[in-house]
N, C-alpha and C. Protein backbone atom coordinates (compact mmCIF):
# COMPACT_ATOMS: atom_id res chain seq x y z
N MET A 1 -10.26 -8.27 -16.03
CA MET A 1 -9.57 -8.20 -14.85
C MET A 1 -8.16 -8.95 -15.32
N PHE A 2 -8.16 -10.24 -15.70
CA PHE A 2 -7.41 -11.06 -15.05
C PHE A 2 -5.95 -11.03 -16.87
N LYS A 3 -6.30 -10.13 -17.98
CA LYS A 3 -6.08 -9.85 -19.03
C LYS A 3 -4.75 -8.99 -18.65
N ALA A 4 -4.42 -8.97 -17.53
CA ALA A 4 -3.39 -7.09 -17.18
C ALA A 4 -2.09 -8.30 -15.94
N PHE A 5 -2.17 -9.55 -15.81
CA PHE A 5 -1.21 -10.11 -15.18
C PHE A 5 0.28 -9.96 -15.40
N SER A 6 1.09 -9.39 -14.91
CA SER A 6 2.33 -10.17 -15.29
C SER A 6 2.40 -11.74 -14.67
N LYS A 7 4.09 -11.85 -14.99
CA LYS A 7 4.61 -12.94 -14.16
C LYS A 7 4.74 -12.66 -12.79
N LEU A 8 5.62 -11.80 -12.15
CA LEU A 8 5.80 -11.65 -10.83
C LEU A 8 4.76 -11.13 -10.12
N GLN A 9 3.66 -10.67 -10.91
CA GLN A 9 1.95 -10.58 -10.07
C GLN A 9 1.49 -12.32 -9.14
N LEU A 10 1.54 -13.32 -10.50
CA LEU A 10 1.96 -14.51 -10.37
C LEU A 10 1.98 -15.15 -9.13
N VAL A 11 3.79 -15.13 -9.45
CA VAL A 11 4.41 -16.02 -8.84
C VAL A 11 3.89 -15.26 -6.94
N LEU A 12 3.68 -13.77 -7.24
CA LEU A 12 3.40 -12.87 -5.69
C LEU A 12 2.57 -13.72 -4.91
N SER A 13 1.65 -13.94 -6.25
CA SER A 13 0.14 -14.85 -5.47
C SER A 13 0.22 -15.69 -4.72
N PHE A 14 0.54 -16.36 -5.76
CA PHE A 14 1.30 -17.81 -5.92
C PHE A 14 1.73 -17.39 -4.06
N LEU A 15 3.02 -17.08 -3.89
CA LEU A 15 3.93 -17.08 -2.60
C LEU A 15 2.56 -16.59 -1.02
N MET A 16 1.91 -15.67 -1.70
CA MET A 16 0.58 -14.85 -0.90
C MET A 16 -0.16 -16.09 -0.29
N ALA A 17 -1.11 -16.54 -1.74
CA ALA A 17 -1.69 -18.20 -0.95
C ALA A 17 -0.31 -19.19 -0.18
N PHE A 18 0.61 -19.02 -0.49
CA PHE A 18 1.53 -20.26 0.30
C PHE A 18 1.20 -19.77 2.12
N ILE A 19 1.86 -18.27 2.63
CA ILE A 19 1.93 -17.99 3.73
C ILE A 19 0.67 -17.44 3.98
N GLY A 20 -0.49 -17.45 3.29
CA GLY A 20 -1.77 -17.85 4.28
C GLY A 20 -1.99 -18.94 4.66
N PHE A 21 -1.91 -20.15 3.65
CA PHE A 21 -1.60 -21.10 4.66
C PHE A 21 -1.04 -22.20 5.42
N SER A 22 0.63 -20.55 5.33
CA SER A 22 1.04 -20.61 7.20
C SER A 22 0.49 -20.29 7.61
N GLN A 23 0.34 -19.61 7.46
CA GLN A 23 -0.52 -18.73 9.00
C GLN A 23 -1.64 -19.80 9.02
N ALA A 24 -2.40 -20.16 8.72
CA ALA A 24 -3.57 -20.84 8.92
C ALA A 24 -3.76 -21.67 9.81
N PHE A 25 -2.26 -22.90 9.28
CA PHE A 25 -2.02 -23.70 10.35
C PHE A 25 -1.11 -23.68 11.50
N ASN A 26 -0.62 -22.60 10.98
CA ASN A 26 0.31 -21.76 12.93
C ASN A 26 -0.31 -21.23 13.49
N ASN A 27 -1.69 -20.80 13.57
CA ASN A 27 -2.63 -20.38 14.26
C ASN A 27 -4.29 -21.53 14.85
N TRP A 28 -4.30 -22.34 14.08
CA TRP A 28 -4.70 -23.62 14.21
C TRP A 28 -5.42 -23.60 15.82
N GLY A 29 -4.77 -23.96 16.68
CA GLY A 29 -4.29 -24.65 18.03
C GLY A 29 -4.65 -23.61 18.84
N GLU A 30 -4.17 -22.17 18.68
CA GLU A 30 -4.81 -21.31 19.71
C GLU A 30 -6.29 -20.03 18.88
N LYS A 31 -6.41 -19.36 17.87
CA LYS A 31 -6.86 -18.91 17.42
C LYS A 31 -7.64 -19.47 16.06
N ARG A 32 -8.79 -20.21 16.21
CA ARG A 32 -8.97 -20.69 14.90
C ARG A 32 -10.17 -19.72 14.47
N ILE A 33 -10.94 -18.98 14.79
CA ILE A 33 -11.46 -18.16 14.04
C ILE A 33 -10.33 -17.44 12.94
N LEU A 34 -9.20 -16.79 14.33
CA LEU A 34 -8.43 -16.42 12.83
C LEU A 34 -7.43 -17.24 11.63
N SER A 35 -8.01 -18.97 11.55
CA SER A 35 -6.97 -19.44 11.18
C SER A 35 -8.47 -19.56 10.85
N LEU A 36 -9.54 -19.64 10.76
CA LEU A 36 -10.57 -19.94 9.12
C LEU A 36 -10.64 -18.83 8.55
N PHE A 37 -10.44 -17.98 8.70
CA PHE A 37 -10.00 -16.33 7.77
C PHE A 37 -9.16 -16.79 6.89
N PHE A 38 -7.76 -17.16 7.42
CA PHE A 38 -6.38 -17.08 6.66
C PHE A 38 -6.84 -18.72 5.72
N LEU A 39 -7.21 -19.06 6.00
CA LEU A 39 -7.78 -20.54 5.10
C LEU A 39 -8.98 -20.12 4.36
N ILE A 40 -9.99 -19.31 4.29
CA ILE A 40 -10.44 -19.28 3.25
C ILE A 40 -9.68 -18.24 2.43
N ALA A 41 -9.29 -17.24 2.93
CA ALA A 41 -8.71 -16.44 2.45
C ALA A 41 -7.52 -17.11 1.37
N SER A 42 -7.28 -17.73 1.76
CA SER A 42 -5.75 -18.56 0.79
C SER A 42 -6.40 -19.36 -0.47
N VAL A 43 -7.29 -19.66 0.00
CA VAL A 43 -8.05 -20.88 -0.67
C VAL A 43 -8.68 -20.00 -1.84
N PHE A 44 -9.59 -18.95 -1.52
CA PHE A 44 -10.03 -17.64 -2.62
C PHE A 44 -8.53 -17.29 -3.09
N VAL A 45 -7.46 -17.06 -3.19
CA VAL A 45 -6.34 -16.22 -3.75
C VAL A 45 -5.75 -17.34 -4.41
N LEU A 46 -6.03 -18.41 -3.71
CA LEU A 46 -5.18 -19.61 -5.13
C LEU A 46 -6.23 -19.99 -6.32
N ILE A 47 -7.40 -19.72 -6.04
CA ILE A 47 -8.56 -20.10 -7.52
C ILE A 47 -8.21 -18.61 -8.31
N VAL A 48 -8.48 -17.57 -7.50
CA VAL A 48 -8.04 -16.12 -8.13
C VAL A 48 -7.05 -16.51 -9.02
N THR A 49 -6.01 -16.94 -8.53
CA THR A 49 -4.49 -16.94 -8.99
C THR A 49 -4.10 -17.84 -9.75
N SER A 50 -5.39 -18.87 -9.42
CA SER A 50 -5.73 -20.65 -11.04
C SER A 50 -6.07 -19.88 -12.09
N ILE A 51 -7.11 -18.78 -11.97
CA ILE A 51 -7.84 -19.01 -13.53
C ILE A 51 -6.54 -17.72 -13.78
N ALA A 52 -6.30 -17.14 -12.94
CA ALA A 52 -5.67 -15.57 -13.92
C ALA A 52 -4.20 -16.72 -14.40
N LEU A 53 -3.83 -17.76 -14.21
CA LEU A 53 -2.74 -18.54 -14.58
C LEU A 53 -3.07 -18.88 -16.15
N ILE A 54 -4.78 -19.09 -16.17
CA ILE A 54 -5.00 -20.28 -17.76
C ILE A 54 -5.18 -18.65 -18.39
N PHE A 55 -6.07 -17.40 -17.66
CA PHE A 55 -5.73 -16.74 -18.70
C PHE A 55 -4.44 -15.70 -19.31
N TYR A 56 -3.41 -16.38 -18.56
CA TYR A 56 -2.32 -15.88 -19.18
C TYR A 56 -1.56 -17.10 -19.74
N ARG A 57 -1.16 -18.13 -19.79
CA ARG A 57 -1.22 -19.02 -21.04
C ARG A 57 -1.45 -18.91 -22.06
N LYS A 58 -3.36 -19.03 -22.22
CA LYS A 58 -3.74 -18.24 -23.03
C LYS A 58 -3.29 -17.26 -23.79
N ARG A 59 -2.72 -16.01 -23.24
CA ARG A 59 -2.26 -15.05 -23.91
C ARG A 59 -0.66 -15.43 -24.36
N GLN A 60 -0.61 -16.38 -23.63
CA GLN A 60 1.22 -16.79 -24.68
C GLN A 60 0.63 -17.13 -25.47
N ILE A 61 0.14 -18.36 -25.79
CA ILE A 61 -0.07 -19.24 -26.98
C ILE A 61 -0.79 -18.36 -27.99
N ILE A 62 -1.65 -17.30 -27.55
CA ILE A 62 -2.19 -16.89 -28.90
C ILE A 62 -0.83 -15.63 -29.37
N LYS A 63 -0.07 -15.31 -28.40
CA LYS A 63 0.74 -14.15 -29.05
C LYS A 63 1.88 -14.98 -30.12
N GLU A 64 2.44 -16.64 -29.87
CA GLU A 64 3.15 -17.39 -30.11
C GLU A 64 2.96 -17.62 -31.64
């Protein structure tokens, strides 16, 4: 699963996590449930992306 990530996909997933955190912050006062959903989903995306980045770096080191 993590071995097929490209550099563009990693950048876009970090951007998607940032947008999710922004949405959670933006909706915090009015819609708490929606904000919690965005917060939890963004944390999950950030964790998965960090793991994929580690695998991507290991793959780059092995190629060199």
